[in-house]
Amino acid sequence: MCLGIPMQIVEINGYTARCEAKGVERDISLFMLQDDAVEPGDYVMVHVGYAIQKISEQDARSSWELFDEILAAESALSNA
């Protein structure tokens, strides 16, 4: 199974962006989005270190909410 994580671009240096999600920062390659205009503040879907798609802030927040629900359910099952 593949998993994409929504992240917000903090800064850009060439084809590398510093991105943040829920307090975690990573350097992400923008190589696959070189034909798209991205800038700090934009949200991107990240898979194995590459930004693969520009997304809306609403889509990013919805994904984070779903991930939080999954983690909470998993934690509840582990503690049962």
PDB file of N, CA and C in Angstrom:
ATOM      1  N   MET A   1       0.841  -1.177   0.000  1.00  0.00           N
ATOM      2  CA  MET A   1       0.000   0.000   0.000  1.00  0.00           C
ATOM      3  C   MET A   1       0.887   1.242   0.000  1.00  0.00           C
ATOM      4  N   CYS A   2       0.522   2.218  -0.789  1.00  0.00           N
ATOM      5  CA  CYS A   2       1.252   3.480  -0.863  1.00  0.00           C
ATOM      6  C   CYS A   2       0.505   4.536  -0.058  1.00  0.00           C
ATOM      7  N   LEU A   3       1.253   5.438   0.517  1.00  0.00           N
ATOM      8  CA  LEU A   3       0.651   6.474   1.341  1.00  0.00           C
ATOM      9  C   LEU A   3       1.260   7.824   0.980  1.00  0.00           C
ATOM     10  N   GLY A   4       0.420   8.782   0.669  1.00  0.00           N
ATOM     11  CA  GLY A   4       0.863  10.141   0.418  1.00  0.00           C
ATOM     12  C   GLY A   4       0.515  10.989   1.624  1.00  0.00           C
ATOM     13  N   ILE A   5       1.423  11.873   2.003  1.00  0.00           N
ATOM     14  CA  ILE A   5       1.229  12.724   3.172  1.00  0.00           C
ATOM     15  C   ILE A   5       1.116  14.174   2.710  1.00  0.00           C
ATOM     16  N   PRO A   6       0.064  14.879   3.098  1.00  0.00           N
ATOM     17  CA  PRO A   6      -0.031  16.292   2.742  1.00  0.00           C
ATOM     18  C   PRO A   6       0.929  17.114   3.601  1.00  0.00           C
ATOM     19  N   MET A   7       1.640  18.017   2.960  1.00  0.00           N
ATOM     20  CA  MET A   7       2.583  18.878   3.659  1.00  0.00           C
ATOM     21  C   MET A   7       2.481  20.296   3.109  1.00  0.00           C
ATOM     22  N   GLN A   8       2.853  21.273   3.939  1.00  0.00           N
ATOM     23  CA  GLN A   8       2.856  22.659   3.505  1.00  0.00           C
ATOM     24  C   GLN A   8       4.291  23.095   3.229  1.00  0.00           C
ATOM     25  N   ILE A   9       4.478  23.775   2.109  1.00  0.00           N
ATOM     26  CA  ILE A   9       5.803  24.263   1.743  1.00  0.00           C
ATOM     27  C   ILE A   9       6.162  25.461   2.624  1.00  0.00           C
ATOM     28  N   VAL A  10       7.329  25.368   3.265  1.00  0.00           N
ATOM     29  CA  VAL A  10       7.826  26.441   4.116  1.00  0.00           C
ATOM     30  C   VAL A  10       8.783  27.340   3.329  1.00  0.00           C
ATOM     31  N   GLU A  11       9.693  26.726   2.591  1.00  0.00           N
ATOM     32  CA  GLU A  11      10.628  27.483   1.757  1.00  0.00           C
ATOM     33  C   GLU A  11      11.076  26.627   0.581  1.00  0.00           C
ATOM     34  N   ILE A  12      11.524  27.292  -0.465  1.00  0.00           N
ATOM     35  CA  ILE A  12      11.955  26.601  -1.679  1.00  0.00           C
ATOM     36  C   ILE A  12      13.358  27.038  -2.034  1.00  0.00           C
ATOM     37  N   ASN A  13      14.185  26.059  -2.401  1.00  0.00           N
ATOM     38  CA  ASN A  13      15.537  26.312  -2.870  1.00  0.00           C
ATOM     39  C   ASN A  13      15.757  25.424  -4.097  1.00  0.00           C
ATOM     40  N   GLY A  14      15.573  25.993  -5.286  1.00  0.00           N
ATOM     41  CA  GLY A  14      15.697  25.209  -6.508  1.00  0.00           C
ATOM     42  C   GLY A  14      14.570  24.200  -6.598  1.00  0.00           C
ATOM     43  N   TYR A  15      14.918  22.917  -6.745  1.00  0.00           N
ATOM     44  CA  TYR A  15      13.912  21.854  -6.804  1.00  0.00           C
ATOM     45  C   TYR A  15      13.722  21.163  -5.462  1.00  0.00           C
ATOM     46  N   THR A  16      14.194  21.783  -4.388  1.00  0.00           N
ATOM     47  CA  THR A  16      14.023  21.229  -3.049  1.00  0.00           C
ATOM     48  C   THR A  16      13.194  22.194  -2.216  1.00  0.00           C
ATOM     49  N   ALA A  17      12.207  21.644  -1.527  1.00  0.00           N
ATOM     50  CA  ALA A  17      11.354  22.462  -0.660  1.00  0.00           C
ATOM     51  C   ALA A  17      11.444  21.934   0.762  1.00  0.00           C
ATOM     52  N   ARG A  18      11.495  22.847   1.703  1.00  0.00           N
ATOM     53  CA  ARG A  18      11.365  22.489   3.115  1.00  0.00           C
ATOM     54  C   ARG A  18       9.870  22.492   3.384  1.00  0.00           C
ATOM     55  N   CYS A  19       9.332  21.337   3.798  1.00  0.00           N
ATOM     56  CA  CYS A  19       7.896  21.195   4.006  1.00  0.00           C
ATOM     57  C   CYS A  19       7.620  20.788   5.448  1.00  0.00           C
ATOM     58  N   GLU A  20       6.399  21.104   5.905  1.00  0.00           N
ATOM     59  CA  GLU A  20       6.012  20.822   7.279  1.00  0.00           C
ATOM     60  C   GLU A  20       4.627  20.192   7.318  1.00  0.00           C
ATOM     61  N   ALA A  21       4.479  19.228   8.227  1.00  0.00           N
ATOM     62  CA  ALA A  21       3.176  18.616   8.500  1.00  0.00           C
ATOM     63  C   ALA A  21       3.120  18.240   9.973  1.00  0.00           C
ATOM     64  N   LYS A  22       2.183  18.824  10.695  1.00  0.00           N
ATOM     65  CA  LYS A  22       1.966  18.489  12.105  1.00  0.00           C
ATOM     66  C   LYS A  22       3.240  18.607  12.937  1.00  0.00           C
ATOM     67  N   GLY A  23       4.032  19.648  12.672  1.00  0.00           N
ATOM     68  CA  GLY A  23       5.237  19.905  13.446  1.00  0.00           C
ATOM     69  C   GLY A  23       6.486  19.189  12.964  1.00  0.00           C
ATOM     70  N   VAL A  24       6.371  18.350  11.943  1.00  0.00           N
ATOM     71  CA  VAL A  24       7.519  17.625  11.399  1.00  0.00           C
ATOM     72  C   VAL A  24       7.933  18.282  10.080  1.00  0.00           C
ATOM     73  N   GLU A  25       9.224  18.597   9.954  1.00  0.00           N
ATOM     74  CA  GLU A  25       9.731  19.198   8.725  1.00  0.00           C
ATOM     75  C   GLU A  25      10.636  18.227   7.982  1.00  0.00           C
ATOM     76  N   ARG A  26      10.557  18.278   6.661  1.00  0.00           N
ATOM     77  CA  ARG A  26      11.375  17.422   5.794  1.00  0.00           C
ATOM     78  C   ARG A  26      11.744  18.209   4.546  1.00  0.00           C
ATOM     79  N   ASP A  27      12.887  17.841   3.954  1.00  0.00           N
ATOM     80  CA  ASP A  27      13.248  18.360   2.638  1.00  0.00           C
ATOM     81  C   ASP A  27      12.619  17.450   1.591  1.00  0.00           C
ATOM     82  N   ILE A  28      11.892  18.045   0.663  1.00  0.00           N
ATOM     83  CA  ILE A  28      11.113  17.316  -0.334  1.00  0.00           C
ATOM     84  C   ILE A  28      11.526  17.758  -1.728  1.00  0.00           C
ATOM     85  N   SER A  29      11.632  16.815  -2.645  1.00  0.00           N
ATOM     86  CA  SER A  29      11.959  17.144  -4.029  1.00  0.00           C
ATOM     87  C   SER A  29      10.724  17.673  -4.755  1.00  0.00           C
ATOM     88  N   LEU A  30      10.915  18.766  -5.474  1.00  0.00           N
ATOM     89  CA  LEU A  30       9.859  19.337  -6.312  1.00  0.00           C
ATOM     90  C   LEU A  30      10.032  18.955  -7.773  1.00  0.00           C
ATOM     91  N   PHE A  31      10.963  18.065  -8.056  1.00  0.00           N
ATOM     92  CA  PHE A  31      11.292  17.721  -9.437  1.00  0.00           C
ATOM     93  C   PHE A  31      10.067  17.306 -10.248  1.00  0.00           C
ATOM     94  N   MET A  32       9.156  16.548  -9.633  1.00  0.00           N
ATOM     95  CA  MET A  32       7.984  16.065 -10.371  1.00  0.00           C
ATOM     96  C   MET A  32       6.946  17.159 -10.605  1.00  0.00           C
ATOM     97  N   LEU A  33       7.104  18.300  -9.949  1.00  0.00           N
ATOM     98  CA  LEU A  33       6.170  19.411 -10.115  1.00  0.00           C
ATOM     99  C   LEU A  33       6.819  20.591 -10.833  1.00  0.00           C
ATOM    100  N   GLN A  34       7.875  20.340 -11.580  1.00  0.00           N
ATOM    101  CA  GLN A  34       8.600  21.450 -12.189  1.00  0.00           C
ATOM    102  C   GLN A  34       7.769  22.240 -13.195  1.00  0.00           C
ATOM    103  N   ASP A  35       6.675  21.681 -13.698  1.00  0.00           N
ATOM    104  CA  ASP A  35       5.798  22.406 -14.622  1.00  0.00           C
ATOM    105  C   ASP A  35       4.676  23.140 -13.892  1.00  0.00           C
ATOM    106  N   ASP A  36       4.578  22.963 -12.567  1.00  0.00           N
ATOM    107  CA  ASP A  36       3.550  23.638 -11.763  1.00  0.00           C
ATOM    108  C   ASP A  36       4.179  24.791 -10.986  1.00  0.00           C
ATOM    109  N   ALA A  37       3.424  25.850 -10.829  1.00  0.00           N
ATOM    110  CA  ALA A  37       3.889  26.979 -10.029  1.00  0.00           C
ATOM    111  C   ALA A  37       3.581  26.694  -8.565  1.00  0.00           C
ATOM    112  N   VAL A  38       4.625  26.458  -7.772  1.00  0.00           N
ATOM    113  CA  VAL A  38       4.446  26.249  -6.338  1.00  0.00           C
ATOM    114  C   VAL A  38       5.267  27.294  -5.604  1.00  0.00           C
ATOM    115  N   GLU A  39       4.780  27.683  -4.445  1.00  0.00           N
ATOM    116  CA  GLU A  39       5.467  28.696  -3.653  1.00  0.00           C
ATOM    117  C   GLU A  39       5.237  28.424  -2.177  1.00  0.00           C
ATOM    118  N   PRO A  40       6.037  29.038  -1.313  1.00  0.00           N
ATOM    119  CA  PRO A  40       5.829  28.842   0.124  1.00  0.00           C
ATOM    120  C   PRO A  40       4.384  29.149   0.507  1.00  0.00           C
ATOM    121  N   GLY A  41       3.839  28.292   1.353  1.00  0.00           N
ATOM    122  CA  GLY A  41       2.452  28.413   1.766  1.00  0.00           C
ATOM    123  C   GLY A  41       1.542  27.430   1.044  1.00  0.00           C
ATOM    124  N   ASP A  42       1.967  26.949  -0.121  1.00  0.00           N
ATOM    125  CA  ASP A  42       1.183  25.964  -0.861  1.00  0.00           C
ATOM    126  C   ASP A  42       1.245  24.611  -0.169  1.00  0.00           C
ATOM    127  N   TYR A  43       0.254  23.779  -0.464  1.00  0.00           N
ATOM    128  CA  TYR A  43       0.195  22.415   0.062  1.00  0.00           C
ATOM    129  C   TYR A  43       0.457  21.435  -1.069  1.00  0.00           C
ATOM    130  N   VAL A  44       1.204  20.387  -0.746  1.00  0.00           N
ATOM    131  CA  VAL A  44       1.523  19.355  -1.730  1.00  0.00           C
ATOM    132  C   VAL A  44       1.324  17.979  -1.101  1.00  0.00           C
ATOM    133  N   MET A  45       1.027  16.993  -1.950  1.00  0.00           N
ATOM    134  CA  MET A  45       0.958  15.604  -1.511  1.00  0.00           C
ATOM    135  C   MET A  45       2.349  15.013  -1.704  1.00  0.00           C
ATOM    136  N   VAL A  46       2.908  14.417  -0.658  1.00  0.00           N
ATOM    137  CA  VAL A  46       4.280  13.920  -0.678  1.00  0.00           C
ATOM    138  C   VAL A  46       4.283  12.393  -0.594  1.00  0.00           C
ATOM    139  N   HIS A  47       5.055  11.781  -1.478  1.00  0.00           N
ATOM    140  CA  HIS A  47       5.214  10.320  -1.480  1.00  0.00           C
ATOM    141  C   HIS A  47       6.686  10.013  -1.677  1.00  0.00           C
ATOM    142  N   VAL A  48       7.251   9.236  -0.780  1.00  0.00           N
ATOM    143  CA  VAL A  48       8.665   8.828  -0.769  1.00  0.00           C
ATOM    144  C   VAL A  48       9.614   9.987  -1.098  1.00  0.00           C
ATOM    145  N   GLY A  49       9.374  11.135  -0.469  1.00  0.00           N
ATOM    146  CA  GLY A  49      10.292  12.263  -0.604  1.00  0.00           C
ATOM    147  C   GLY A  49      10.054  13.165  -1.795  1.00  0.00           C
ATOM    148  N   TYR A  50       9.024  12.895  -2.582  1.00  0.00           N
ATOM    149  CA  TYR A  50       8.708  13.707  -3.761  1.00  0.00           C
ATOM    150  C   TYR A  50       7.323  14.331  -3.618  1.00  0.00           C
ATOM    151  N   ALA A  51       7.213  15.614  -3.930  1.00  0.00           N
ATOM    152  CA  ALA A  51       5.902  16.243  -4.043  1.00  0.00           C
ATOM    153  C   ALA A  51       5.314  15.764  -5.364  1.00  0.00           C
ATOM    154  N   ILE A  52       4.167  15.109  -5.302  1.00  0.00           N
ATOM    155  CA  ILE A  52       3.603  14.524  -6.521  1.00  0.00           C
ATOM    156  C   ILE A  52       2.386  15.279  -7.036  1.00  0.00           C
ATOM    157  N   GLN A  53       1.824  16.172  -6.201  1.00  0.00           N
ATOM    158  CA  GLN A  53       0.626  16.899  -6.621  1.00  0.00           C
ATOM    159  C   GLN A  53       0.432  18.102  -5.710  1.00  0.00           C
ATOM    160  N   LYS A  54       0.041  19.217  -6.291  1.00  0.00           N
ATOM    161  CA  LYS A  54      -0.351  20.379  -5.512  1.00  0.00           C
ATOM    162  C   LYS A  54      -1.802  20.160  -5.092  1.00  0.00           C
ATOM    163  N   ILE A  55      -2.122  20.442  -3.816  1.00  0.00           N
ATOM    164  CA  ILE A  55      -3.479  20.237  -3.302  1.00  0.00           C
ATOM    165  C   ILE A  55      -3.942  21.486  -2.567  1.00  0.00           C
ATOM    166  N   SER A  56      -5.220  21.539  -2.290  1.00  0.00           N
ATOM    167  CA  SER A  56      -5.779  22.677  -1.557  1.00  0.00           C
ATOM    168  C   SER A  56      -5.531  22.514  -0.056  1.00  0.00           C
ATOM    169  N   GLU A  57      -5.595  23.614   0.661  1.00  0.00           N
ATOM    170  CA  GLU A  57      -5.458  23.562   2.112  1.00  0.00           C
ATOM    171  C   GLU A  57      -6.568  22.707   2.714  1.00  0.00           C
ATOM    172  N   GLN A  58      -7.778  22.825   2.176  1.00  0.00           N
ATOM    173  CA  GLN A  58      -8.912  22.041   2.675  1.00  0.00           C
ATOM    174  C   GLN A  58      -8.652  20.537   2.513  1.00  0.00           C
ATOM    175  N   ASP A  59      -8.118  20.119   1.355  1.00  0.00           N
ATOM    176  CA  ASP A  59      -7.808  18.701   1.142  1.00  0.00           C
ATOM    177  C   ASP A  59      -6.728  18.223   2.112  1.00  0.00           C
ATOM    178  N   ALA A  60      -5.720  19.072   2.359  1.00  0.00           N
ATOM    179  CA  ALA A  60      -4.658  18.704   3.299  1.00  0.00           C
ATOM    180  C   ALA A  60      -5.231  18.514   4.700  1.00  0.00           C
ATOM    181  N   ARG A  61      -6.049  19.450   5.139  1.00  0.00           N
ATOM    182  CA  ARG A  61      -6.629  19.353   6.491  1.00  0.00           C
ATOM    183  C   ARG A  61      -7.555  18.144   6.617  1.00  0.00           C
ATOM    184  N   SER A  62      -8.329  17.857   5.583  1.00  0.00           N
ATOM    185  CA  SER A  62      -9.202  16.677   5.605  1.00  0.00           C
ATOM    186  C   SER A  62      -8.387  15.397   5.736  1.00  0.00           C
ATOM    187  N   SER A  63      -7.283  15.315   5.005  1.00  0.00           N
ATOM    188  CA  SER A  63      -6.413  14.135   5.098  1.00  0.00           C
ATOM    189  C   SER A  63      -5.831  13.994   6.491  1.00  0.00           C
ATOM    190  N   TRP A  64      -5.342  15.106   7.068  1.00  0.00           N
ATOM    191  CA  TRP A  64      -4.781  15.039   8.420  1.00  0.00           C
ATOM    192  C   TRP A  64      -5.829  14.586   9.426  1.00  0.00           C
ATOM    193  N   GLU A  65      -7.076  15.061   9.282  1.00  0.00           N
ATOM    194  CA  GLU A  65      -8.148  14.652  10.191  1.00  0.00           C
ATOM    195  C   GLU A  65      -8.406  13.142  10.077  1.00  0.00           C
ATOM    196  N   LEU A  66      -8.413  12.629   8.854  1.00  0.00           N
ATOM    197  CA  LEU A  66      -8.620  11.188   8.660  1.00  0.00           C
ATOM    198  C   LEU A  66      -7.477  10.379   9.265  1.00  0.00           C
ATOM    199  N   PHE A  67      -6.231  10.831   9.068  1.00  0.00           N
ATOM    200  CA  PHE A  67      -5.085  10.131   9.661  1.00  0.00           C
ATOM    201  C   PHE A  67      -5.197  10.129  11.182  1.00  0.00           C
ATOM    202  N   ASP A  68      -5.620  11.264  11.783  1.00  0.00           N
ATOM    203  CA  ASP A  68      -5.787  11.333  13.237  1.00  0.00           C
ATOM    204  C   ASP A  68      -6.850  10.337  13.710  1.00  0.00           C
ATOM    205  N   GLU A  69      -7.953  10.212  12.963  1.00  0.00           N
ATOM    206  CA  GLU A  69      -8.998   9.256  13.325  1.00  0.00           C
ATOM    207  C   GLU A  69      -8.490   7.821  13.259  1.00  0.00           C
ATOM    208  N   ILE A  70      -7.729   7.513  12.233  1.00  0.00           N
ATOM    209  CA  ILE A  70      -7.153   6.163  12.088  1.00  0.00           C
ATOM    210  C   ILE A  70      -6.225   5.851  13.249  1.00  0.00           C
ATOM    211  N   LEU A  71      -5.354   6.801  13.597  1.00  0.00           N
ATOM    212  CA  LEU A  71      -4.426   6.592  14.713  1.00  0.00           C
ATOM    213  C   LEU A  71      -5.163   6.427  16.041  1.00  0.00           C
ATOM    214  N   ALA A  72      -6.225   7.205  16.243  1.00  0.00           N
ATOM    215  CA  ALA A  72      -7.008   7.089  17.469  1.00  0.00           C
ATOM    216  C   ALA A  72      -7.700   5.731  17.546  1.00  0.00           C
ATOM    217  N   ALA A  73      -8.258   5.269  16.450  1.00  0.00           N
ATOM    218  CA  ALA A  73      -8.916   3.952  16.423  1.00  0.00           C
ATOM    219  C   ALA A  73      -7.908   2.832  16.674  1.00  0.00           C
ATOM    220  N   GLU A  74      -6.738   2.946  16.077  1.00  0.00           N
ATOM    221  CA  GLU A  74      -5.699   1.930  16.275  1.00  0.00           C
ATOM    222  C   GLU A  74      -5.242   1.906  17.720  1.00  0.00           C
ATOM    223  N   SER A  75      -5.092   3.077  18.314  1.00  0.00           N
ATOM    224  CA  SER A  75      -4.689   3.166  19.717  1.00  0.00           C
ATOM    225  C   SER A  75      -5.745   2.557  20.633  1.00  0.00           C
ATOM    226  N   ALA A  76      -7.015   2.813  20.320  1.00  0.00           N
ATOM    227  CA  ALA A  76      -8.097   2.244  21.125  1.00  0.00           C
ATOM    228  C   ALA A  76      -8.105   0.722  21.056  1.00  0.00           C
ATOM    229  N   LEU A  77      -7.848   0.173  19.866  1.00  0.00           N
ATOM    230  CA  LEU A  77      -7.803  -1.289  19.713  1.00  0.00           C
ATOM    231  C   LEU A  77      -6.620  -1.879  20.472  1.00  0.00           C
ATOM    232  N   SER A  78      -5.491  -1.175  20.469  1.00  0.00           N
ATOM    233  CA  SER A  78      -4.297  -1.666  21.158  1.00  0.00           C
ATOM    234  C   SER A  78      -4.482  -1.672  22.665  1.00  0.00           C
ATOM    235  N   ASN A  79      -5.282  -0.740  23.168  1.00  0.00           N
ATOM    236  CA  ASN A  79      -5.500  -0.623  24.614  1.00  0.00           C
ATOM    237  C   ASN A  79      -6.681  -1.443  25.095  1.00  0.00           C
ATOM    238  N   ALA A  80      -7.370  -2.099  24.192  1.00  0.00           N
ATOM    239  CA  ALA A  80      -8.570  -2.870  24.588  1.00  0.00           C
ATOM    240  C   ALA A  80      -8.201  -4.222  25.164  1.00  0.00           C
TER     241      ALA A  80
END
